[in-house]
Amino acid sequence: PKRMLAAVPLAMLRRERRVRMPQFWHVLCVSQAIRQDLAERAGISLERSRVVYNGIDTGQFSPPSDWDPSVWRNGRPAFLCAGSLLRHKGVHTAIEGFARATFQTDLGHAYLTVVGDGDPAYENHLRQMTRDLGVAAQVHFVGRVERNRVPVVLRQHDCLLLPTWYEALPRMMQEAMACGLVVVGTTTGGSKELLVENETGLIFEPEDAEGLARQIVRVVGDPELRARLAHAGRQAVLEKFTLERMVDEIEGYLANVVSQPE
């Protein structure tokens, strides 16, 4: 849709034979990583930008009433990987890491749910991977899930795998932590502003399936670690990533902008 909408103004600029570069004087960014990128790549000075973290509805995204992160919600380890099925999302790393962990320890009873759709060729590749790695019976592809069902899906799992190459600030990570899941993910982009090794979750490098496997084994083998990380992750969201906090900060920022002299 963005490409379609961009076609009209771009055509107008070509007819005028000139390029009008917009002047960004008041810039809101969803993470410090994006703010820094804009400064380095777009020349937008740090003085003209500010970070307001995305917020989520922590009433809607909350753990079950009987939440105990040290106990498997469905009687066995339930892992989730959710997002577009595109290569840069790293779902292949999640599947390979899950498979390695399965064969490194007694994880034959665990399962991985893959939520999302995208490139059909990539999805076929992922399905073939599960067969080649011997985990086809443990990896379930459920396709796209309607937005209003996301909290329900999250509460059915214990751990979110986030293998993406880059994220400005992944909303799914915030929502999973708010629902009490342990997050095991990469810290590229803005992810590291919420996901901190051994504090609010566990981390691994992009494309490092072996590193992911080691973290999965830690999560499965240590109930106390699971409980500590799950509680700390939810608390971090409640402190810094609520919808109410986001709205208050945006309103305050806009009020300050309009009060400034032209």
C-alpha atoms as a PDB file:
ATOM      1  CA  PRO A   1       0.000   0.000   0.000  1.00  0.00           C
ATOM      2  CA  LYS A   2       2.814   2.433   0.743  1.00  0.00           C
ATOM      3  CA  ARG A   3       4.300   1.919  -2.701  1.00  0.00           C
ATOM      4  CA  MET A   4       0.927   2.501  -4.337  1.00  0.00           C
ATOM      5  CA  LEU A   5       0.333   5.724  -2.388  1.00  0.00           C
ATOM      6  CA  ALA A   6       3.862   6.947  -3.035  1.00  0.00           C
ATOM      7  CA  ALA A   7       3.428   6.629  -6.804  1.00  0.00           C
ATOM      8  CA  VAL A   8       1.295   9.787  -7.055  1.00  0.00           C
ATOM      9  CA  PRO A   9       3.578  12.300  -5.260  1.00  0.00           C
ATOM     10  CA  LEU A  10       6.655  10.767  -6.896  1.00  0.00           C
ATOM     11  CA  ALA A  11       5.107  11.213 -10.324  1.00  0.00           C
ATOM     12  CA  MET A  12       4.339  14.862  -9.484  1.00  0.00           C
ATOM     13  CA  LEU A  13       7.928  15.469  -8.419  1.00  0.00           C
ATOM     14  CA  ARG A  14       9.236  13.927 -11.631  1.00  0.00           C
ATOM     15  CA  ARG A  15       7.020  16.227 -13.680  1.00  0.00           C
ATOM     16  CA  GLU A  16       8.324  19.237 -11.774  1.00  0.00           C
ATOM     17  CA  ARG A  17      11.888  17.968 -12.344  1.00  0.00           C
ATOM     18  CA  ARG A  18      12.904  18.664  -8.793  1.00  0.00           C
ATOM     19  CA  VAL A  19      13.012  16.999  -5.421  1.00  0.00           C
ATOM     20  CA  ARG A  20      11.577  18.639  -2.347  1.00  0.00           C
ATOM     21  CA  MET A  21      13.220  17.386   0.777  1.00  0.00           C
ATOM     22  CA  PRO A  22      10.938  17.780   3.788  1.00  0.00           C
ATOM     23  CA  GLN A  23      12.326  19.479   6.859  1.00  0.00           C
ATOM     24  CA  PHE A  24      11.769  17.385   9.949  1.00  0.00           C
ATOM     25  CA  TRP A  25      11.779  19.703  12.931  1.00  0.00           C
ATOM     26  CA  HIS A  26       9.791  17.628  15.410  1.00  0.00           C
ATOM     27  CA  VAL A  27      10.464  13.898  15.223  1.00  0.00           C
ATOM     28  CA  LEU A  28       9.089  11.183  17.487  1.00  0.00           C
ATOM     29  CA  CYS A  29      10.864   7.825  17.457  1.00  0.00           C
ATOM     30  CA  VAL A  30       9.738   4.492  18.882  1.00  0.00           C
ATOM     31  CA  SER A  31      13.211   3.632  20.198  1.00  0.00           C
ATOM     32  CA  GLN A  32      16.636   5.084  20.867  1.00  0.00           C
ATOM     33  CA  ALA A  33      17.969   2.856  18.077  1.00  0.00           C
ATOM     34  CA  ILE A  34      15.696   4.546  15.519  1.00  0.00           C
ATOM     35  CA  ARG A  35      16.566   7.973  16.875  1.00  0.00           C
ATOM     36  CA  GLN A  36      20.264   7.235  16.435  1.00  0.00           C
ATOM     37  CA  ASP A  37      19.710   5.819  12.937  1.00  0.00           C
ATOM     38  CA  LEU A  38      17.875   8.981  11.872  1.00  0.00           C
ATOM     39  CA  ALA A  39      20.716  11.113  13.177  1.00  0.00           C
ATOM     40  CA  GLU A  40      23.379   9.095  11.375  1.00  0.00           C
ATOM     41  CA  ARG A  41      21.580   8.278   8.116  1.00  0.00           C
ATOM     42  CA  ALA A  42      19.099  11.115   7.596  1.00  0.00           C
ATOM     43  CA  GLY A  43      20.939  13.974   9.256  1.00  0.00           C
ATOM     44  CA  ILE A  44      18.148  14.656  11.749  1.00  0.00           C
ATOM     45  CA  SER A  45      19.880  16.095  14.781  1.00  0.00           C
ATOM     46  CA  LEU A  46      19.234  14.583  18.180  1.00  0.00           C
ATOM     47  CA  GLU A  47      17.980  17.980  19.373  1.00  0.00           C
ATOM     48  CA  ARG A  48      15.029  17.676  16.957  1.00  0.00           C
ATOM     49  CA  SER A  49      14.011  14.159  17.947  1.00  0.00           C
ATOM     50  CA  ARG A  50      12.629  12.420  20.985  1.00  0.00           C
ATOM     51  CA  VAL A  51      11.752   8.857  21.927  1.00  0.00           C
ATOM     52  CA  VAL A  52       8.245   7.867  22.938  1.00  0.00           C
ATOM     53  CA  TYR A  53       8.026   4.123  23.331  1.00  0.00           C
ATOM     54  CA  ASN A  54       5.047   2.297  21.873  1.00  0.00           C
ATOM     55  CA  GLY A  55       2.563   1.298  24.516  1.00  0.00           C
ATOM     56  CA  ILE A  56       0.283  -1.708  24.818  1.00  0.00           C
ATOM     57  CA  ASP A  57      -2.946  -2.388  26.651  1.00  0.00           C
ATOM     58  CA  THR A  58      -1.705  -4.277  29.704  1.00  0.00           C
ATOM     59  CA  GLY A  59      -5.273  -5.057  30.707  1.00  0.00           C
ATOM     60  CA  GLN A  60      -5.866  -6.922  27.461  1.00  0.00           C
ATOM     61  CA  PHE A  61      -2.365  -8.403  27.419  1.00  0.00           C
ATOM     62  CA  SER A  62      -2.051 -10.037  30.812  1.00  0.00           C
ATOM     63  CA  PRO A  63      -1.273 -13.504  32.193  1.00  0.00           C
ATOM     64  CA  PRO A  64      -3.971 -16.036  33.088  1.00  0.00           C
ATOM     65  CA  SER A  65      -5.423 -15.753  36.589  1.00  0.00           C
ATOM     66  CA  ASP A  66      -3.579 -18.904  37.697  1.00  0.00           C
ATOM     67  CA  TRP A  67      -0.244 -17.765  36.245  1.00  0.00           C
ATOM     68  CA  ASP A  68       2.801 -19.611  37.527  1.00  0.00           C
ATOM     69  CA  PRO A  69       5.723 -19.295  35.058  1.00  0.00           C
ATOM     70  CA  SER A  70       7.587 -22.166  36.703  1.00  0.00           C
ATOM     71  CA  VAL A  71       4.834 -24.583  35.600  1.00  0.00           C
ATOM     72  CA  TRP A  72       4.122 -25.368  31.947  1.00  0.00           C
ATOM     73  CA  ARG A  73       0.743 -23.960  30.977  1.00  0.00           C
ATOM     74  CA  ASN A  74      -0.262 -26.989  28.918  1.00  0.00           C
ATOM     75  CA  GLY A  75       1.698 -29.617  30.815  1.00  0.00           C
ATOM     76  CA  ARG A  76       4.630 -29.408  28.386  1.00  0.00           C
ATOM     77  CA  PRO A  77       6.926 -26.658  27.044  1.00  0.00           C
ATOM     78  CA  ALA A  78       5.068 -24.492  24.539  1.00  0.00           C
ATOM     79  CA  PHE A  79       7.165 -22.189  22.343  1.00  0.00           C
ATOM     80  CA  LEU A  80       5.822 -19.514  20.005  1.00  0.00           C
ATOM     81  CA  CYS A  81       7.302 -17.717  16.999  1.00  0.00           C
ATOM     82  CA  ALA A  82       4.980 -15.052  15.609  1.00  0.00           C
ATOM     83  CA  GLY A  83       5.341 -12.585  12.738  1.00  0.00           C
ATOM     84  CA  SER A  84       5.508 -12.326   8.975  1.00  0.00           C
ATOM     85  CA  LEU A  85       6.950 -15.364   7.237  1.00  0.00           C
ATOM     86  CA  LEU A  86       9.767 -13.456   5.565  1.00  0.00           C
ATOM     87  CA  ARG A  87      13.423 -14.390   5.705  1.00  0.00           C
ATOM     88  CA  HIS A  88      14.549 -11.332   7.682  1.00  0.00           C
ATOM     89  CA  LYS A  89      12.187 -12.385  10.473  1.00  0.00           C
ATOM     90  CA  GLY A  90      14.476 -15.368  11.070  1.00  0.00           C
ATOM     91  CA  VAL A  91      11.814 -18.042  11.509  1.00  0.00           C
ATOM     92  CA  HIS A  92      14.231 -20.592  10.007  1.00  0.00           C
ATOM     93  CA  THR A  93      16.605 -19.883  12.907  1.00  0.00           C
ATOM     94  CA  ALA A  94      13.777 -20.454  15.411  1.00  0.00           C
ATOM     95  CA  ILE A  95      12.972 -23.827  13.841  1.00  0.00           C
ATOM     96  CA  GLU A  96      16.601 -24.930  13.655  1.00  0.00           C
ATOM     97  CA  GLY A  97      17.306 -23.773  17.216  1.00  0.00           C
ATOM     98  CA  PHE A  98      14.209 -25.576  18.489  1.00  0.00           C
ATOM     99  CA  ALA A  99      15.234 -28.749  16.648  1.00  0.00           C
ATOM    100  CA  ARG A 100      18.786 -28.628  18.046  1.00  0.00           C
ATOM    101  CA  ALA A 101      17.491 -28.149  21.581  1.00  0.00           C
ATOM    102  CA  THR A 102      15.075 -31.043  21.098  1.00  0.00           C
ATOM    103  CA  PHE A 103      17.892 -33.437  20.277  1.00  0.00           C
ATOM    104  CA  GLN A 104      20.318 -32.043  22.856  1.00  0.00           C
ATOM    105  CA  THR A 105      18.004 -32.805  25.746  1.00  0.00           C
ATOM    106  CA  ASP A 106      14.711 -34.518  26.490  1.00  0.00           C
ATOM    107  CA  LEU A 107      12.403 -32.148  24.616  1.00  0.00           C
ATOM    108  CA  GLY A 108      10.391 -34.646  22.630  1.00  0.00           C
ATOM    109  CA  HIS A 109       7.236 -33.463  24.392  1.00  0.00           C
ATOM    110  CA  ALA A 110       7.785 -29.760  23.589  1.00  0.00           C
ATOM    111  CA  TYR A 111       6.204 -28.006  20.626  1.00  0.00           C
ATOM    112  CA  LEU A 112       6.677 -24.828  18.612  1.00  0.00           C
ATOM    113  CA  THR A 113       3.769 -22.849  17.145  1.00  0.00           C
ATOM    114  CA  VAL A 114       4.538 -20.671  14.112  1.00  0.00           C
ATOM    115  CA  VAL A 115       2.006 -17.873  13.663  1.00  0.00           C
ATOM    116  CA  GLY A 116       1.880 -15.686  10.555  1.00  0.00           C
ATOM    117  CA  ASP A 117       1.954 -15.742   6.779  1.00  0.00           C
ATOM    118  CA  GLY A 118       4.014 -14.118   4.058  1.00  0.00           C
ATOM    119  CA  ASP A 119       6.220 -15.464   1.274  1.00  0.00           C
ATOM    120  CA  PRO A 120       4.790 -18.832   0.111  1.00  0.00           C
ATOM    121  CA  ALA A 121       8.213 -20.032  -1.084  1.00  0.00           C
ATOM    122  CA  TYR A 122       9.747 -19.236   2.300  1.00  0.00           C
ATOM    123  CA  GLU A 123       6.893 -20.957   4.119  1.00  0.00           C
ATOM    124  CA  ASN A 124       7.413 -24.080   1.968  1.00  0.00           C
ATOM    125  CA  HIS A 125      11.107 -23.931   2.851  1.00  0.00           C
ATOM    126  CA  LEU A 126      10.247 -23.760   6.563  1.00  0.00           C
ATOM    127  CA  ARG A 127       7.915 -26.726   6.333  1.00  0.00           C
ATOM    128  CA  GLN A 128      10.569 -28.738   4.524  1.00  0.00           C
ATOM    129  CA  MET A 129      13.054 -27.774   7.249  1.00  0.00           C
ATOM    130  CA  THR A 130      10.833 -29.321   9.918  1.00  0.00           C
ATOM    131  CA  ARG A 131      10.765 -32.582   7.958  1.00  0.00           C
ATOM    132  CA  ASP A 132      14.503 -32.582   7.305  1.00  0.00           C
ATOM    133  CA  LEU A 133      15.257 -31.846  10.966  1.00  0.00           C
ATOM    134  CA  GLY A 134      12.837 -34.459  12.273  1.00  0.00           C
ATOM    135  CA  VAL A 135      10.513 -32.084  14.150  1.00  0.00           C
ATOM    136  CA  ALA A 136       7.550 -31.880  11.771  1.00  0.00           C
ATOM    137  CA  ALA A 137       5.264 -33.394  14.421  1.00  0.00           C
ATOM    138  CA  GLN A 138       6.330 -30.773  16.970  1.00  0.00           C
ATOM    139  CA  VAL A 139       6.157 -27.626  14.808  1.00  0.00           C
ATOM    140  CA  HIS A 140       2.668 -26.349  14.043  1.00  0.00           C
ATOM    141  CA  PHE A 141       2.001 -23.732  11.357  1.00  0.00           C
ATOM    142  CA  VAL A 142      -1.296 -22.000  12.123  1.00  0.00           C
ATOM    143  CA  GLY A 143      -1.196 -19.132   9.625  1.00  0.00           C
ATOM    144  CA  ARG A 144      -2.342 -15.612  10.307  1.00  0.00           C
ATOM    145  CA  VAL A 145      -4.192 -14.943  13.558  1.00  0.00           C
ATOM    146  CA  GLU A 146      -6.756 -12.163  13.905  1.00  0.00           C
ATOM    147  CA  ARG A 147      -5.554  -9.297  16.060  1.00  0.00           C
ATOM    148  CA  ASN A 148      -8.206  -9.782  18.737  1.00  0.00           C
ATOM    149  CA  ARG A 149      -7.064 -13.389  19.246  1.00  0.00           C
ATOM    150  CA  VAL A 150      -3.401 -12.562  19.877  1.00  0.00           C
ATOM    151  CA  PRO A 151      -3.751 -12.341  23.697  1.00  0.00           C
ATOM    152  CA  VAL A 152      -5.433 -15.753  23.738  1.00  0.00           C
ATOM    153  CA  VAL A 153      -2.666 -17.299  21.647  1.00  0.00           C
ATOM    154  CA  LEU A 154       0.037 -15.771  23.838  1.00  0.00           C
ATOM    155  CA  ARG A 155      -1.532 -17.100  27.024  1.00  0.00           C
ATOM    156  CA  GLN A 156      -1.402 -20.616  25.561  1.00  0.00           C
ATOM    157  CA  HIS A 157       2.406 -20.543  25.383  1.00  0.00           C
ATOM    158  CA  ASP A 158       5.333 -20.286  27.784  1.00  0.00           C
ATOM    159  CA  CYS A 159       8.113 -18.754  25.710  1.00  0.00           C
ATOM    160  CA  LEU A 160       8.357 -16.435  22.711  1.00  0.00           C
ATOM    161  CA  LEU A 161      11.227 -16.945  20.254  1.00  0.00           C
ATOM    162  CA  LEU A 162      12.153 -13.686  18.516  1.00  0.00           C
ATOM    163  CA  PRO A 163      14.873 -14.451  15.918  1.00  0.00           C
ATOM    164  CA  THR A 164      14.477 -11.348  13.745  1.00  0.00           C
ATOM    165  CA  TRP A 165      17.453  -9.653  12.071  1.00  0.00           C
ATOM    166  CA  TYR A 166      16.302  -6.135  12.988  1.00  0.00           C
ATOM    167  CA  GLU A 167      13.365  -4.506  14.761  1.00  0.00           C
ATOM    168  CA  ALA A 168      12.640  -0.886  15.614  1.00  0.00           C
ATOM    169  CA  LEU A 169      10.890  -2.079  18.775  1.00  0.00           C
ATOM    170  CA  PRO A 170       8.870  -5.298  18.366  1.00  0.00           C
ATOM    171  CA  ARG A 171       5.362  -4.984  19.715  1.00  0.00           C
ATOM    172  CA  MET A 172       5.083  -8.765  19.909  1.00  0.00           C
ATOM    173  CA  MET A 173       7.933  -8.800  22.433  1.00  0.00           C
ATOM    174  CA  GLN A 174       6.105  -6.267  24.620  1.00  0.00           C
ATOM    175  CA  GLU A 175       2.823  -8.156  24.364  1.00  0.00           C
ATOM    176  CA  ALA A 176       4.451 -11.503  25.160  1.00  0.00           C
ATOM    177  CA  MET A 177       6.195 -10.135  28.242  1.00  0.00           C
ATOM    178  CA  ALA A 178       2.956  -8.528  29.397  1.00  0.00           C
ATOM    179  CA  CYS A 179       1.253 -11.933  29.086  1.00  0.00           C
ATOM    180  CA  GLY A 180       3.943 -13.536  31.212  1.00  0.00           C
ATOM    181  CA  LEU A 181       5.966 -15.345  28.551  1.00  0.00           C
ATOM    182  CA  VAL A 182       9.738 -15.657  28.740  1.00  0.00           C
ATOM    183  CA  VAL A 183      11.236 -13.962  25.671  1.00  0.00           C
ATOM    184  CA  VAL A 184      14.317 -15.427  23.994  1.00  0.00           C
ATOM    185  CA  GLY A 185      15.375 -13.125  21.197  1.00  0.00           C
ATOM    186  CA  THR A 186      17.900 -11.060  19.315  1.00  0.00           C
ATOM    187  CA  THR A 187      18.720  -7.548  20.462  1.00  0.00           C
ATOM    188  CA  THR A 188      19.180  -5.789  17.135  1.00  0.00           C
ATOM    189  CA  GLY A 189      17.591  -2.381  16.748  1.00  0.00           C
ATOM    190  CA  GLY A 190      15.431  -1.258  19.624  1.00  0.00           C
ATOM    191  CA  SER A 191      14.868  -4.724  21.108  1.00  0.00           C
ATOM    192  CA  LYS A 192      17.790  -4.300  23.503  1.00  0.00           C
ATOM    193  CA  GLU A 193      15.975  -1.383  25.154  1.00  0.00           C
ATOM    194  CA  LEU A 194      13.576  -3.904  26.699  1.00  0.00           C
ATOM    195  CA  LEU A 195      15.209  -7.317  26.323  1.00  0.00           C
ATOM    196  CA  VAL A 196      18.236  -7.601  28.632  1.00  0.00           C
ATOM    197  CA  GLU A 197      20.185 -10.834  29.033  1.00  0.00           C
ATOM    198  CA  ASN A 198      19.368 -12.691  32.246  1.00  0.00           C
ATOM    199  CA  GLU A 199      17.269  -9.765  33.494  1.00  0.00           C
ATOM    200  CA  THR A 200      14.123  -9.484  31.364  1.00  0.00           C
ATOM    201  CA  GLY A 201      14.835 -12.400  29.031  1.00  0.00           C
ATOM    202  CA  LEU A 202      17.541 -14.324  27.215  1.00  0.00           C
ATOM    203  CA  ILE A 203      19.354 -13.288  24.035  1.00  0.00           C
ATOM    204  CA  PHE A 204      21.223 -14.792  21.095  1.00  0.00           C
ATOM    205  CA  GLU A 205      22.748 -13.437  17.887  1.00  0.00           C
ATOM    206  CA  PRO A 206      20.779 -13.333  14.592  1.00  0.00           C
ATOM    207  CA  GLU A 207      21.159 -16.562  12.581  1.00  0.00           C
ATOM    208  CA  ASP A 208      22.789 -18.310  15.564  1.00  0.00           C
ATOM    209  CA  ALA A 209      20.649 -21.425  15.872  1.00  0.00           C
ATOM    210  CA  GLU A 210      23.101 -23.070  18.259  1.00  0.00           C
ATOM    211  CA  GLY A 211      23.022 -20.041  20.553  1.00  0.00           C
ATOM    212  CA  LEU A 212      19.234 -20.134  20.514  1.00  0.00           C
ATOM    213  CA  ALA A 213      19.266 -23.856  21.287  1.00  0.00           C
ATOM    214  CA  ARG A 214      21.422 -23.255  24.366  1.00  0.00           C
ATOM    215  CA  GLN A 215      18.979 -20.645  25.650  1.00  0.00           C
ATOM    216  CA  ILE A 216      16.000 -22.927  25.029  1.00  0.00           C
ATOM    217  CA  VAL A 217      17.695 -25.653  27.060  1.00  0.00           C
ATOM    218  CA  ARG A 218      18.225 -23.148  29.891  1.00  0.00           C
ATOM    219  CA  VAL A 219      14.574 -22.120  29.853  1.00  0.00           C
ATOM    220  CA  VAL A 220      13.342 -25.702  29.902  1.00  0.00           C
ATOM    221  CA  GLY A 221      15.739 -26.930  32.572  1.00  0.00           C
ATOM    222  CA  ASP A 222      15.417 -24.138  35.129  1.00  0.00           C
ATOM    223  CA  PRO A 223      11.921 -23.372  36.507  1.00  0.00           C
ATOM    224  CA  GLU A 224      13.278 -20.690  38.841  1.00  0.00           C
ATOM    225  CA  LEU A 225      14.937 -18.902  35.913  1.00  0.00           C
ATOM    226  CA  ARG A 226      11.688 -19.022  33.944  1.00  0.00           C
ATOM    227  CA  ALA A 227       9.734 -17.530  36.827  1.00  0.00           C
ATOM    228  CA  ARG A 228      12.257 -14.778  37.492  1.00  0.00           C
ATOM    229  CA  LEU A 229      12.529 -13.711  33.841  1.00  0.00           C
ATOM    230  CA  ALA A 230       8.778 -13.857  33.246  1.00  0.00           C
ATOM    231  CA  HIS A 231       7.999 -11.664  36.256  1.00  0.00           C
ATOM    232  CA  ALA A 232      10.795  -9.208  35.439  1.00  0.00           C
ATOM    233  CA  GLY A 233       9.716  -8.940  31.799  1.00  0.00           C
ATOM    234  CA  ARG A 234       6.115  -8.188  32.716  1.00  0.00           C
ATOM    235  CA  GLN A 235       7.220  -5.625  35.304  1.00  0.00           C
ATOM    236  CA  ALA A 236       9.413  -3.857  32.740  1.00  0.00           C
ATOM    237  CA  VAL A 237       6.416  -3.504  30.412  1.00  0.00           C
ATOM    238  CA  LEU A 238       4.209  -2.203  33.214  1.00  0.00           C
ATOM    239  CA  GLU A 239       6.818   0.426  34.095  1.00  0.00           C
ATOM    240  CA  LYS A 240       7.786   1.730  30.656  1.00  0.00           C
ATOM    241  CA  PHE A 241       5.543   0.413  27.874  1.00  0.00           C
ATOM    242  CA  THR A 242       1.912   0.975  28.824  1.00  0.00           C
ATOM    243  CA  LEU A 243      -0.637   2.549  26.514  1.00  0.00           C
ATOM    244  CA  GLU A 244      -1.468   5.197  29.119  1.00  0.00           C
ATOM    245  CA  ARG A 245       2.164   6.271  29.416  1.00  0.00           C
ATOM    246  CA  MET A 246       2.499   6.506  25.629  1.00  0.00           C
ATOM    247  CA  VAL A 247      -0.610   8.690  25.269  1.00  0.00           C
ATOM    248  CA  ASP A 248       0.471  10.994  28.107  1.00  0.00           C
ATOM    249  CA  GLU A 249       3.923  11.469  26.592  1.00  0.00           C
ATOM    250  CA  ILE A 250       2.592  12.143  23.083  1.00  0.00           C
ATOM    251  CA  GLU A 251       0.031  14.643  24.397  1.00  0.00           C
ATOM    252  CA  GLY A 252       2.692  16.407  26.447  1.00  0.00           C
ATOM    253  CA  TYR A 253       5.058  16.508  23.490  1.00  0.00           C
ATOM    254  CA  LEU A 254       2.433  17.936  21.117  1.00  0.00           C
ATOM    255  CA  ALA A 255       1.344  20.524  23.673  1.00  0.00           C
ATOM    256  CA  ASN A 256       4.946  21.670  23.952  1.00  0.00           C
ATOM    257  CA  VAL A 257       5.316  21.829  20.147  1.00  0.00           C
ATOM    258  CA  VAL A 258       2.241  24.004  19.583  1.00  0.00           C
ATOM    259  CA  SER A 259       3.228  26.337  22.418  1.00  0.00           C
ATOM    260  CA  GLN A 260       6.550  27.161  20.807  1.00  0.00           C
ATOM    261  CA  PRO A 261       6.832  30.386  18.779  1.00  0.00           C
ATOM    262  CA  GLU A 262       7.025  29.920  15.005  1.00  0.00           C
END
